[in-house]
Amino acid sequence: PAPVVGAAITVTNSSLQTTSGPDGTFRFQNVQPGTYQVQAAAPGYQSATAQAALSTASAVQNIVLAVIPTGARTYEYYLPHTAEGGGWWTFFAVTNAGYTGADVTFTAFDASGQFLGTSTKLVRIEINQQFAGSPSSFFASGMDAKATWYKITSSAPLSGIEMFGSTGGTLAAFPLTTASSQSLFLPHVAVDSQWWTGISFVSGWVRAANVLMEARDGAGSTLASASRLGVLKPGDKTVDQLQNYFGWDYPRASQWVSIRSDGPITGFELFGTQDFQMMAAVPAAGSGARRLFFPHVGTSGGWWTGVAMLNVGTTTASLKLGAYGIDGSSLAVGRSLSLSPGQRTVDQLQNYFDQWPANVKYVELNSDSDLVAFELVGNWDLRSMSGMTAFTSAGAELAFPFIESDADWETTLQFANVSSASAQVTLDAYDGSGAKLREITLNLPARAVREGTVKTLFGQALSNTRSVRARSNGSALAGYSSLARVKGSGFADFPAQLVVQNAGAGTSASATANIANVSRVIDAVRFEPDPAGGVRVTWSSEVNAEVRSLAGDQVRSGDVIVS
């Protein structure tokens, strides 16, 4: 059986407690002679107890605690890079936007994967409840100087974000990541006199992972392989500027990077200006999608929007771009564009159109092959910039898991009805305890957009709002939130996160999924002949939970299902 990472280990009738490490092991030292009951508990497993008897203070006893899965799925989320101290800060927020309470284990690790401890402050998140703060504040004093990454294991789906920055004002942010892929794509890198690119990723496997990082040119040809990478032990983390992974062999013509592993990995890329006035973080994509959205468009008033699009499929992609206004009207259609497998394009968004109209609210991208894409939005004075992966999780219910509105920060929400029929949309605002503060219902025409702060959307100031949910009567929604400093520069964009039903919450995901979500899942699944024989089934990470629930958790993306 596979090791269980992060299980809570306690010794009855004592203060002894710890957590199992990446390989499932644990250790207690300096235990007085006697007979003890040792218990292991973890979300998704039945607890197990074993007896240990020590005759002397120097005696050693090995015990095995065999925890049995309950049949309920567990979910893992990562904070793959944290920096607290030395002029840097890290903040995260996690919200339960599902339909059942979540038992959670929050664990801290150092860069070598060494287990450092389990939080006793974050053990359960009720429906719509939120926990937020610096990661180390949920642990004993001193964790900020030791931990370099954290993991949350939950019995129910969660939504959340991570932000970090410098005390000088630089800010970067992205959604909580998952280690559900053995391939990562970084569709845009920049290493020159003005820009730098950094990479951080974590091995989420229970065994050592062989990792290969390759620098690619715009046509997808491999220019160099990283000499510094090879094997990552369970829980290992690596972070550095991109060129340092390649040493003297780093090719300056590199335009994107691929990372492959024989075990699940997670991570992100961080890039910014050499003077650190601007910085942005974008999660590494584990797979592509065929319907994508660029929801934040700024091309006037001193702002620019750049996009990168990479074909990660196996066939040539024909791309179709469409620009839409706030009322849902189609404002422009992009030029014809095709990308060969592995080919990438990057430019300012308006340059993909012959005529760029005013007042564009979002751009939709459709392709007949899988794409990975992201957008950068910044101002021309080079003092503010944010990055965000292209939105691929259109569905009937979205979560905006972190809202802040005070003297220092203001959050703006935007969501669009990206279906062809009018939608009735209900917005719910919640405080940090999960209590509903206000509910409103509005009609949203096909393709139309609503945007604003909590105050303007709900018609009154709701200063205690910490999260918002948007749910339609079946139409697919897409959206994002933007957190901006009230004074000074700096902002962060977050794609809204699809609300996923927990299949273990009394009703199956197939029974609760609405028509829009089922259609989205079907569209995301791909069947392709495998060179070794049979048919290989794949799907994007954004619908991983839904597909596996509908398939009875019997198949994983990449499996050959017919032989």
Protein backbone atom coordinates (compact mmCIF):
# COMPACT_ATOMS: atom_id res chain seq x y z
CA PRO A 1 0.00 0.00 0.00
CA ALA A 2 1.09 3.59 -0.63
CA PRO A 3 2.43 5.62 2.31
CA VAL A 4 0.02 8.11 3.87
CA VAL A 5 1.64 11.54 4.10
CA GLY A 6 0.61 14.00 6.79
CA ALA A 7 -1.27 11.55 9.01
CA ALA A 8 -1.66 12.84 12.57
CA ILE A 9 0.21 10.51 14.97
CA THR A 10 -0.64 10.78 18.67
CA VAL A 11 0.35 8.81 21.75
CA THR A 12 -2.49 8.39 24.23
CA ASN A 13 -2.04 9.59 27.79
CA SER A 14 0.87 11.82 26.76
CA SER A 15 1.61 15.07 24.98
CA LEU A 16 3.48 13.28 22.19
CA GLN A 17 2.25 14.02 18.68
CA THR A 18 3.74 14.31 15.20
CA THR A 19 2.85 13.79 11.54
CA SER A 20 3.96 11.14 9.07
CA GLY A 21 6.53 12.37 6.55
CA PRO A 22 6.61 12.10 2.73
CA ASP A 23 7.44 8.38 2.97
CA GLY A 24 4.77 7.70 5.62
CA THR A 25 7.24 7.25 8.49
CA PHE A 26 7.28 8.95 11.88
CA ARG A 27 9.49 8.89 14.99
CA PHE A 28 9.25 9.71 18.69
CA GLN A 29 12.46 10.12 20.67
CA ASN A 30 13.32 10.22 24.38
CA VAL A 31 10.18 8.31 25.37
CA GLN A 32 10.09 7.02 28.93
CA PRO A 33 9.69 3.24 29.54
CA GLY A 34 6.11 2.02 29.55
CA THR A 35 3.25 0.75 27.43
CA TYR A 36 1.62 3.17 25.02
CA GLN A 37 -1.22 3.28 22.51
CA VAL A 38 -0.17 5.00 19.28
CA GLN A 39 -2.91 6.27 16.95
CA ALA A 40 -2.82 7.47 13.33
CA ALA A 41 -5.59 9.56 11.74
CA ALA A 42 -5.82 11.17 8.29
CA PRO A 43 -8.62 12.62 6.16
CA GLY A 44 -10.13 9.90 3.97
CA TYR A 45 -8.89 7.04 6.19
CA GLN A 46 -10.14 5.13 9.20
CA SER A 47 -7.95 5.73 12.21
CA ALA A 48 -5.60 2.93 13.34
CA THR A 49 -4.12 2.14 16.74
CA ALA A 50 -1.17 -0.03 17.76
CA GLN A 51 0.47 -0.81 21.09
CA ALA A 52 4.13 -0.05 21.78
CA ALA A 53 5.99 -1.26 24.88
CA LEU A 54 9.40 0.13 25.89
CA SER A 55 11.31 -1.69 28.63
CA THR A 56 14.10 0.90 28.92
CA ALA A 57 14.68 4.53 27.92
CA SER A 58 17.06 3.40 25.19
CA ALA A 59 14.78 0.72 23.74
CA VAL A 60 13.65 1.01 20.10
CA GLN A 61 10.40 -0.41 18.77
CA ASN A 62 9.16 -0.31 15.20
CA ILE A 63 5.40 -0.29 14.70
CA VAL A 64 3.19 -0.17 11.62
CA LEU A 65 -0.14 1.65 11.63
CA ALA A 66 -2.25 0.39 8.72
CA VAL A 67 -4.91 3.02 8.03
CA ILE A 68 -7.70 1.88 5.73
CA PRO A 69 -9.24 4.23 3.14
CA THR A 70 -12.86 5.08 3.88
CA GLY A 71 -13.67 5.22 0.18
CA ALA A 72 -13.93 9.01 0.25
CA ARG A 73 -11.57 10.96 -1.93
CA THR A 74 -8.98 13.30 -0.46
CA TYR A 75 -7.77 16.52 -2.09
CA GLU A 76 -4.26 17.97 -1.89
CA TYR A 77 -3.31 21.63 -2.31
CA TYR A 78 0.15 23.15 -2.24
CA LEU A 79 1.79 26.42 -1.30
CA PRO A 80 4.90 25.57 -3.35
CA HIS A 81 6.98 28.57 -2.35
CA THR A 82 6.93 30.76 0.73
CA ALA A 83 9.22 33.53 1.92
CA GLU A 84 8.82 35.14 5.32
CA GLY A 85 11.52 37.46 6.56
CA GLY A 86 14.42 39.23 4.92
CA GLY A 87 12.12 41.84 3.40
CA TRP A 88 9.58 39.29 2.08
CA TRP A 89 6.11 38.23 3.24
CA THR A 90 3.71 35.40 2.31
CA PHE A 91 -0.07 35.30 2.72
CA PHE A 92 -2.63 32.64 1.85
CA ALA A 93 -6.38 32.18 2.11
CA VAL A 94 -8.34 28.94 1.82
CA THR A 95 -12.13 28.75 1.61
CA ASN A 96 -14.50 25.80 1.61
CA ALA A 97 -16.77 26.65 -1.31
CA GLY A 98 -18.22 23.14 -1.47
CA TYR A 99 -21.28 21.55 0.05
CA THR A 100 -19.82 19.62 2.97
CA GLY A 101 -17.47 20.42 5.84
CA ALA A 102 -13.81 19.54 5.29
CA ASP A 103 -11.39 17.82 7.65
CA VAL A 104 -7.94 19.13 6.81
CA THR A 105 -4.30 18.49 7.64
CA PHE A 106 -1.98 21.46 7.17
CA THR A 107 1.68 20.42 7.10
CA ALA A 108 4.98 22.29 6.76
CA PHE A 109 8.15 21.10 5.01
CA ASP A 110 11.65 22.37 4.35
CA ALA A 111 13.28 22.43 0.92
CA SER A 112 14.55 18.84 1.23
CA GLY A 113 11.05 17.52 1.99
CA GLN A 114 11.74 17.11 5.68
CA PHE A 115 8.47 17.19 7.64
CA LEU A 116 8.47 20.09 10.12
CA GLY A 117 5.07 19.89 11.76
CA THR A 118 1.28 19.87 11.52
CA SER A 119 -0.92 22.80 12.38
CA THR A 120 -3.29 22.43 15.32
CA LYS A 121 -5.09 25.66 14.35
CA LEU A 122 -6.32 24.51 10.94
CA VAL A 123 -8.00 21.11 11.24
CA ARG A 124 -11.50 21.66 9.85
CA ILE A 125 -13.14 24.15 7.49
CA GLU A 126 -16.91 24.38 7.51
CA ILE A 127 -18.97 25.25 4.44
CA ASN A 128 -18.06 28.78 3.19
CA GLN A 129 -15.65 29.28 6.10
CA GLN A 130 -12.29 30.87 5.38
CA PHE A 131 -8.87 30.72 7.03
CA ALA A 132 -6.28 33.31 6.06
CA GLY A 133 -2.94 34.67 7.19
CA SER A 134 0.75 33.97 6.91
CA PRO A 135 1.33 30.20 6.68
CA SER A 136 3.72 30.16 9.64
CA SER A 137 1.11 31.80 11.89
CA PHE A 138 -0.80 28.50 11.94
CA PHE A 139 2.20 26.72 13.49
CA ALA A 140 4.44 26.99 16.52
CA SER A 141 6.79 29.95 16.74
CA GLY A 142 9.83 29.83 14.49
CA MET A 143 8.26 28.06 11.52
CA ASP A 144 8.76 31.13 9.32
CA ALA A 145 12.53 30.60 9.44
CA LYS A 146 12.38 26.89 8.58
CA ALA A 147 9.46 26.09 6.25
CA THR A 148 9.79 26.67 2.51
CA TRP A 149 6.51 25.05 1.37
CA TYR A 150 3.25 23.76 2.78
CA LYS A 151 0.55 21.24 1.89
CA ILE A 152 -3.15 21.05 2.72
CA THR A 153 -4.86 17.65 2.62
CA SER A 154 -8.65 17.88 2.73
CA SER A 155 -11.65 15.57 2.73
CA ALA A 156 -13.56 18.00 0.48
CA PRO A 157 -12.68 20.35 -2.40
CA LEU A 158 -11.30 23.74 -1.37
CA SER A 159 -10.56 27.04 -3.11
CA GLY A 160 -7.76 29.40 -2.27
CA ILE A 161 -4.95 31.75 -3.20
CA GLU A 162 -1.34 32.45 -2.26
CA MET A 163 0.39 35.84 -2.38
CA PHE A 164 3.92 36.86 -1.59
CA GLY A 165 5.88 40.03 -2.07
CA SER A 166 8.48 42.40 -0.78
CA THR A 167 8.03 45.03 1.88
CA GLY A 168 9.02 47.50 -0.84
CA GLY A 169 5.72 46.87 -2.60
CA THR A 170 6.38 44.14 -5.19
CA LEU A 171 3.52 41.63 -5.31
CA ALA A 172 2.90 38.23 -6.94
CA ALA A 173 -0.06 35.89 -6.55
CA PHE A 174 -1.69 32.73 -7.90
CA PRO A 175 -4.34 30.11 -6.94
CA LEU A 176 -3.40 27.19 -4.70
CA THR A 177 -1.80 24.50 -6.86
CA THR A 178 -2.26 20.73 -7.05
CA ALA A 179 0.27 17.99 -7.85
CA SER A 180 -1.87 16.12 -10.35
CA SER A 181 0.38 16.14 -13.38
CA GLN A 182 3.63 14.58 -14.58
CA SER A 183 4.11 17.30 -17.21
CA LEU A 184 4.32 21.03 -16.65
CA PHE A 185 4.40 23.77 -19.26
CA LEU A 186 5.78 27.29 -18.82
CA PRO A 187 4.51 29.00 -21.99
CA HIS A 188 6.62 32.15 -21.70
CA VAL A 189 10.08 32.85 -20.27
CA ALA A 190 12.21 35.97 -20.48
CA VAL A 191 15.87 36.22 -19.48
CA ASP A 192 17.61 39.39 -20.68
CA SER A 193 18.86 42.77 -19.50
CA GLN A 194 15.36 43.90 -18.51
CA TRP A 195 13.57 40.70 -17.41
CA TRP A 196 14.29 37.66 -15.24
CA THR A 197 12.39 34.38 -14.87
CA GLY A 198 12.36 32.14 -11.81
CA ILE A 199 10.91 28.65 -11.38
CA SER A 200 9.80 26.81 -8.25
CA PHE A 201 8.31 23.35 -8.08
CA VAL A 202 7.76 20.55 -5.59
CA SER A 203 7.72 16.77 -5.97
CA GLY A 204 4.40 15.55 -4.63
CA TRP A 205 5.24 11.86 -5.03
CA VAL A 206 5.88 9.25 -2.35
CA ARG A 207 8.93 7.99 -4.26
CA ALA A 208 11.90 9.72 -5.86
CA ALA A 209 10.94 11.41 -9.14
CA ASN A 210 13.11 11.65 -12.25
CA VAL A 211 12.67 15.15 -13.65
CA LEU A 212 13.66 16.52 -17.06
CA MET A 213 13.52 20.26 -17.80
CA GLU A 214 13.94 21.37 -21.41
CA ALA A 215 14.26 24.83 -22.93
CA ARG A 216 12.33 25.18 -26.21
CA ASP A 217 12.30 27.70 -29.01
CA GLY A 218 9.15 29.21 -30.50
CA ALA A 219 8.70 26.26 -32.86
CA GLY A 220 8.94 23.71 -30.04
CA SER A 221 12.46 22.42 -30.79
CA THR A 222 14.54 21.46 -27.75
CA LEU A 223 17.50 23.80 -27.30
CA ALA A 224 18.96 22.45 -24.05
CA SER A 225 18.23 20.20 -21.07
CA ALA A 226 18.79 21.39 -17.52
CA SER A 227 22.00 19.96 -16.13
CA ARG A 228 21.13 20.65 -12.50
CA LEU A 229 18.00 18.54 -12.34
CA GLY A 230 17.76 14.79 -12.15
CA VAL A 231 16.14 13.10 -9.19
CA LEU A 232 13.88 14.81 -6.66
CA LYS A 233 13.24 12.96 -3.42
CA PRO A 234 9.69 12.90 -1.99
CA GLY A 235 8.78 16.42 -0.96
CA ASP A 236 11.89 17.99 -2.48
CA LYS A 237 11.50 21.62 -3.55
CA THR A 238 13.65 23.50 -6.00
CA VAL A 239 13.63 27.25 -6.68
CA ASP A 240 16.03 29.38 -8.69
CA GLN A 241 16.32 31.67 -11.66
CA LEU A 242 15.76 29.77 -14.88
CA GLN A 243 19.24 30.09 -16.38
CA ASN A 244 20.85 28.63 -13.25
CA TYR A 245 19.25 25.24 -13.94
CA PHE A 246 21.11 25.09 -17.25
CA GLY A 247 24.45 26.58 -16.23
CA TRP A 248 26.57 27.86 -19.10
CA ASP A 249 24.37 26.00 -21.58
CA TYR A 250 21.27 28.13 -21.13
CA PRO A 251 20.09 29.18 -24.61
CA ARG A 252 19.06 32.83 -24.80
CA ALA A 253 16.74 31.97 -27.68
CA SER A 254 14.54 29.93 -25.33
CA GLN A 255 10.89 30.99 -25.42
CA TRP A 256 9.17 28.36 -23.28
CA VAL A 257 10.03 25.47 -20.97
CA SER A 258 8.69 21.94 -20.52
CA ILE A 259 9.15 19.85 -17.37
CA ARG A 260 8.49 16.11 -17.34
CA SER A 261 8.56 13.75 -14.40
CA ASP A 262 7.67 10.13 -13.67
CA GLY A 263 5.79 11.34 -10.58
CA PRO A 264 3.30 14.16 -9.91
CA ILE A 265 4.82 17.63 -9.55
CA THR A 266 3.48 21.14 -9.01
CA GLY A 267 4.93 24.60 -9.31
CA PHE A 268 4.89 28.02 -10.90
CA GLU A 269 6.99 30.52 -12.76
CA LEU A 270 7.84 33.96 -11.48
CA PHE A 271 9.09 36.73 -13.70
CA GLY A 272 9.68 40.43 -13.41
CA THR A 273 11.87 43.37 -14.21
CA GLN A 274 15.51 43.40 -13.14
CA ASP A 275 14.84 46.40 -10.86
CA PHE A 276 12.07 44.38 -9.10
CA GLN A 277 9.54 47.15 -9.70
CA MET A 278 7.21 44.60 -11.32
CA MET A 279 6.74 40.89 -10.64
CA ALA A 280 4.11 38.32 -11.61
CA ALA A 281 3.52 34.64 -10.83
CA VAL A 282 1.68 32.11 -13.00
CA PRO A 283 1.08 28.43 -12.08
CA ALA A 284 2.72 25.93 -14.39
CA ALA A 285 0.03 24.27 -16.50
CA GLY A 286 -0.26 20.49 -16.38
CA SER A 287 -2.40 20.12 -19.50
CA GLY A 288 -4.17 22.14 -22.15
CA ALA A 289 -7.74 23.10 -23.00
CA ARG A 290 -9.66 23.97 -26.16
CA ARG A 291 -11.91 26.74 -24.89
CA LEU A 292 -10.10 29.48 -22.99
CA PHE A 293 -10.79 33.05 -21.87
CA PHE A 294 -8.66 36.12 -21.25
CA PRO A 295 -10.96 37.81 -18.73
CA HIS A 296 -8.85 40.89 -17.83
CA VAL A 297 -8.32 43.22 -20.76
CA GLY A 298 -6.54 46.55 -20.31
CA THR A 299 -5.39 48.26 -23.51
CA SER A 300 -6.04 51.95 -22.86
CA GLY A 301 -5.44 54.58 -20.22
CA GLY A 302 -1.80 53.62 -19.80
CA TRP A 303 -2.39 49.83 -19.59
CA TRP A 304 -1.31 46.92 -21.78
CA THR A 305 -2.31 43.25 -22.01
CA GLY A 306 0.04 40.61 -23.37
CA VAL A 307 -0.82 36.96 -24.01
CA ALA A 308 1.16 33.79 -24.67
CA MET A 309 -0.43 30.76 -26.36
CA LEU A 310 1.27 27.36 -26.67
CA ASN A 311 0.04 24.30 -28.57
CA VAL A 312 0.62 21.31 -26.26
CA GLY A 313 -1.48 18.99 -28.40
CA THR A 314 -0.37 16.52 -31.04
CA THR A 315 -2.02 18.17 -34.06
CA THR A 316 -1.90 21.62 -35.62
CA ALA A 317 -4.22 24.04 -33.84
CA SER A 318 -6.51 26.48 -35.65
CA LEU A 319 -7.17 29.38 -33.28
CA LYS A 320 -10.24 31.60 -33.22
CA LEU A 321 -10.26 34.74 -31.06
CA GLY A 322 -13.36 36.80 -30.33
CA ALA A 323 -13.64 40.07 -28.37
CA TYR A 324 -16.81 40.87 -26.40
CA GLY A 325 -18.24 43.98 -24.77
CA ILE A 326 -19.96 44.44 -21.43
CA ASP A 327 -23.42 43.88 -22.94
CA GLY A 328 -22.35 40.63 -24.63
CA SER A 329 -22.00 42.09 -28.10
CA SER A 330 -19.34 40.65 -30.39
CA LEU A 331 -16.94 43.52 -31.05
CA ALA A 332 -14.27 41.91 -33.20
CA VAL A 333 -12.95 38.60 -34.55
CA GLY A 334 -9.24 37.89 -34.51
CA ARG A 335 -7.09 37.10 -37.54
CA SER A 336 -6.74 33.49 -38.68
CA LEU A 337 -3.93 31.84 -36.73
CA SER A 338 -2.53 28.32 -36.55
CA LEU A 339 0.09 26.74 -34.29
CA SER A 340 1.97 23.52 -34.97
CA PRO A 341 2.50 21.11 -32.04
CA GLY A 342 4.97 22.76 -29.66
CA GLN A 343 4.71 26.14 -31.37
CA ARG A 344 4.14 29.25 -29.27
CA THR A 345 3.06 32.80 -30.00
CA VAL A 346 3.32 35.86 -27.73
CA ASP A 347 2.22 39.44 -28.37
CA GLN A 348 0.04 42.23 -27.14
CA LEU A 349 -3.57 41.09 -27.27
CA GLN A 350 -4.79 43.71 -29.72
CA ASN A 351 -2.14 42.70 -32.27
CA TYR A 352 -4.05 39.46 -32.95
CA PHE A 353 -6.88 41.58 -34.42
CA ASP A 354 -6.90 43.61 -37.63
CA GLN A 355 -8.97 46.29 -35.90
CA TRP A 356 -9.04 46.50 -32.12
CA PRO A 357 -12.26 48.03 -30.79
CA ALA A 358 -12.71 50.11 -27.66
CA ASN A 359 -14.33 48.81 -24.46
CA VAL A 360 -13.41 45.12 -24.79
CA LYS A 361 -14.23 43.27 -21.55
CA TYR A 362 -12.94 39.78 -22.36
CA VAL A 363 -11.58 37.68 -25.20
CA GLU A 364 -12.59 34.09 -25.92
CA LEU A 365 -10.12 31.68 -27.53
CA ASN A 366 -11.24 28.47 -29.24
CA SER A 367 -8.94 25.81 -30.69
CA ASP A 368 -9.17 22.34 -32.21
CA SER A 369 -6.04 21.23 -30.31
CA ASP A 370 -5.06 21.58 -26.65
CA LEU A 371 -3.56 24.95 -25.71
CA VAL A 372 -1.85 26.39 -22.65
CA ALA A 373 -2.14 30.16 -22.37
CA PHE A 374 -1.82 33.02 -19.93
CA GLU A 375 -2.09 36.77 -19.87
CA LEU A 376 -0.06 39.61 -18.36
CA VAL A 377 -1.64 42.95 -17.57
CA GLY A 378 0.51 45.94 -16.65
CA ASN A 379 0.94 49.68 -16.98
CA TRP A 380 3.36 51.43 -19.28
CA ASP A 381 5.21 53.18 -16.46
CA LEU A 382 6.47 49.67 -15.49
CA ARG A 383 5.35 49.89 -11.87
CA SER A 384 2.46 47.38 -11.76
CA MET A 385 1.90 44.00 -13.39
CA SER A 386 -0.03 40.81 -12.73
CA GLY A 387 -0.18 37.43 -14.45
CA MET A 388 -3.02 34.94 -14.71
CA THR A 389 -3.52 31.67 -16.56
CA ALA A 390 -6.20 31.78 -19.23
CA PHE A 391 -9.55 30.86 -17.70
CA THR A 392 -10.60 27.31 -18.63
CA SER A 393 -13.08 26.40 -15.88
CA ALA A 394 -16.35 27.84 -17.17
CA GLY A 395 -19.21 26.30 -15.21
CA ALA A 396 -22.54 26.97 -13.54
CA GLU A 397 -21.02 27.85 -10.16
CA LEU A 398 -17.86 29.83 -9.42
CA ALA A 399 -16.09 30.78 -6.20
CA PHE A 400 -14.15 33.97 -5.56
CA PRO A 401 -12.28 32.61 -2.52
CA PHE A 402 -10.63 35.78 -1.24
CA ILE A 403 -12.16 39.24 -0.91
CA GLU A 404 -10.53 42.21 0.83
CA SER A 405 -11.99 45.70 1.09
CA ASP A 406 -10.46 48.09 3.59
CA ALA A 407 -8.24 51.16 3.79
CA ASP A 408 -5.34 49.32 2.13
CA TRP A 409 -6.94 46.94 -0.41
CA GLU A 410 -9.95 46.79 -2.72
CA THR A 411 -11.25 43.77 -4.64
CA THR A 412 -13.03 44.03 -7.97
CA LEU A 413 -15.04 41.08 -9.33
CA GLN A 414 -15.90 40.36 -12.94
CA PHE A 415 -17.96 37.47 -14.31
CA ALA A 416 -19.43 36.77 -17.72
CA ASN A 417 -22.19 34.53 -19.02
CA VAL A 418 -20.21 32.73 -21.73
CA SER A 419 -23.16 30.67 -22.97
CA SER A 420 -25.52 31.48 -25.83
CA ALA A 421 -28.62 31.90 -23.61
CA SER A 422 -29.56 34.40 -20.92
CA ALA A 423 -28.80 33.35 -17.36
CA GLN A 424 -30.22 34.01 -13.94
CA VAL A 425 -27.25 34.46 -11.63
CA THR A 426 -27.31 34.44 -7.83
CA LEU A 427 -24.50 36.12 -5.90
CA ASP A 428 -23.83 35.20 -2.27
CA ALA A 429 -21.46 37.13 0.02
CA TYR A 430 -19.98 35.36 3.07
CA ASP A 431 -17.92 36.43 6.04
CA GLY A 432 -14.91 34.49 7.33
CA SER A 433 -17.04 32.23 9.54
CA GLY A 434 -19.16 31.13 6.57
CA ALA A 435 -22.23 33.19 7.49
CA LYS A 436 -24.13 34.58 4.51
CA LEU A 437 -24.20 38.37 4.57
CA ARG A 438 -26.35 39.03 1.52
CA GLU A 439 -27.84 37.32 -1.53
CA ILE A 440 -28.90 38.96 -4.78
CA THR A 441 -30.22 37.61 -8.07
CA LEU A 442 -29.70 39.25 -11.44
CA ASN A 443 -30.36 38.52 -15.09
CA LEU A 444 -27.31 38.28 -17.31
CA PRO A 445 -27.80 38.19 -21.10
CA ALA A 446 -25.77 35.81 -23.24
CA ARG A 447 -22.08 36.80 -23.35
CA ALA A 448 -22.72 39.78 -21.07
CA VAL A 449 -20.49 40.88 -18.18
CA ARG A 450 -21.06 42.19 -14.67
CA GLU A 451 -18.23 43.79 -12.75
CA GLY A 452 -17.71 45.87 -9.64
CA THR A 453 -16.72 45.85 -6.01
CA VAL A 454 -18.76 44.04 -3.38
CA LYS A 455 -20.39 47.38 -2.55
CA THR A 456 -21.43 48.18 -6.11
CA LEU A 457 -22.54 44.64 -6.96
CA PHE A 458 -24.59 44.06 -3.80
CA GLY A 459 -25.81 47.64 -3.47
CA GLN A 460 -24.40 48.20 0.00
CA ALA A 461 -21.12 48.08 1.89
CA LEU A 462 -20.44 44.60 3.30
CA SER A 463 -17.13 45.25 5.01
CA ASN A 464 -16.84 41.75 6.50
CA THR A 465 -17.11 39.94 3.15
CA ARG A 466 -14.34 37.38 2.72
CA SER A 467 -15.64 35.29 -0.21
CA VAL A 468 -18.31 35.41 -2.91
CA ARG A 469 -20.06 32.67 -4.87
CA ALA A 470 -21.79 33.09 -8.23
CA ARG A 471 -24.23 30.41 -9.41
CA SER A 472 -26.38 30.33 -12.51
CA ASN A 473 -29.45 28.38 -13.52
CA GLY A 474 -27.36 26.25 -15.88
CA SER A 475 -25.45 28.69 -18.06
CA ALA A 476 -21.64 28.57 -17.98
CA LEU A 477 -19.88 31.42 -16.18
CA ALA A 478 -16.28 32.64 -16.40
CA GLY A 479 -14.61 35.30 -14.29
CA TYR A 480 -11.80 36.65 -12.17
CA SER A 481 -11.11 38.94 -9.25
CA SER A 482 -8.50 41.66 -8.97
CA LEU A 483 -7.01 42.77 -5.65
CA ALA A 484 -5.41 46.23 -5.80
CA ARG A 485 -3.67 48.49 -3.33
CA VAL A 486 -5.79 51.54 -2.49
CA LYS A 487 -2.66 53.65 -2.13
CA GLY A 488 0.40 53.11 -4.26
CA SER A 489 0.94 50.52 -6.99
CA GLY A 490 0.51 46.78 -7.05
CA PHE A 491 -2.37 44.45 -7.87
CA ALA A 492 -3.04 40.73 -8.24
CA ASP A 493 -5.48 38.92 -10.53
CA PHE A 494 -7.06 35.58 -9.63
CA PRO A 495 -9.20 33.41 -11.92
CA ALA A 496 -12.49 32.44 -10.31
CA GLN A 497 -12.48 28.80 -9.24
CA LEU A 498 -15.03 26.20 -10.29
CA VAL A 499 -17.14 24.85 -7.44
CA VAL A 500 -16.76 21.06 -7.48
CA GLN A 501 -19.22 18.75 -5.75
CA ASN A 502 -17.66 16.28 -3.33
CA ALA A 503 -18.63 12.80 -4.51
CA GLY A 504 -18.39 11.49 -0.95
CA ALA A 505 -20.86 13.98 0.49
CA GLY A 506 -23.96 11.81 0.32
CA THR A 507 -24.77 12.28 -3.36
CA SER A 508 -22.62 11.33 -6.29
CA ALA A 509 -20.97 13.93 -8.47
CA SER A 510 -22.85 12.48 -11.45
CA ALA A 511 -26.14 13.04 -9.67
CA THR A 512 -25.39 16.62 -8.68
CA ALA A 513 -23.56 17.85 -11.77
CA ASN A 514 -25.68 20.23 -13.81
CA ILE A 515 -25.99 20.07 -17.57
CA ALA A 516 -23.42 22.82 -18.15
CA ASN A 517 -20.76 21.06 -16.09
CA VAL A 518 -21.40 17.64 -17.66
CA SER A 519 -21.08 19.21 -21.10
CA ARG A 520 -17.85 20.88 -20.05
CA VAL A 521 -16.44 17.55 -18.83
CA ILE A 522 -17.36 15.78 -22.07
CA ASP A 523 -15.71 18.54 -24.10
CA ALA A 524 -12.51 18.25 -22.03
CA VAL A 525 -11.93 14.50 -22.52
CA ARG A 526 -9.71 13.48 -25.44
CA PHE A 527 -9.27 9.99 -26.99
CA GLU A 528 -6.16 9.38 -29.10
CA PRO A 529 -4.49 6.23 -30.51
CA ASP A 530 -1.50 5.14 -28.46
CA PRO A 531 1.65 4.17 -30.42
CA ALA A 532 1.96 0.97 -28.37
CA GLY A 533 -1.64 0.00 -29.10
CA GLY A 534 -5.01 0.85 -27.62
CA VAL A 535 -6.59 4.24 -26.92
CA ARG A 536 -5.17 6.79 -24.51
CA VAL A 537 -7.61 9.03 -22.65
CA THR A 538 -6.54 12.46 -21.38
CA TRP A 539 -8.18 15.54 -19.93
CA SER A 540 -7.13 18.89 -18.46
CA SER A 541 -6.33 19.26 -14.77
CA GLU A 542 -9.21 21.74 -14.34
CA VAL A 543 -11.80 18.94 -14.73
CA ASN A 544 -9.76 16.16 -13.10
CA ALA A 545 -12.02 15.86 -10.05
CA GLU A 546 -15.22 15.75 -12.09
CA VAL A 547 -14.00 13.24 -14.70
CA ARG A 548 -12.63 10.85 -12.10
CA SER A 549 -15.85 11.08 -10.07
CA LEU A 550 -17.97 10.36 -13.13
CA ALA A 551 -15.67 7.45 -14.01
CA GLY A 552 -15.92 5.99 -10.52
CA ASP A 553 -12.31 7.01 -9.81
CA GLN A 554 -11.17 4.04 -11.91
CA VAL A 555 -9.21 5.92 -14.57
CA ARG A 556 -6.56 8.63 -14.58
CA SER A 557 -5.63 11.10 -17.30
CA GLY A 558 -3.05 9.42 -19.53
CA ASP A 559 -4.30 5.85 -19.02
CA VAL A 560 -4.62 3.49 -21.97
CA ILE A 561 -8.16 2.23 -21.55
CA VAL A 562 -8.43 -0.12 -24.56
CA SER A 563 -5.67 -2.61 -25.37
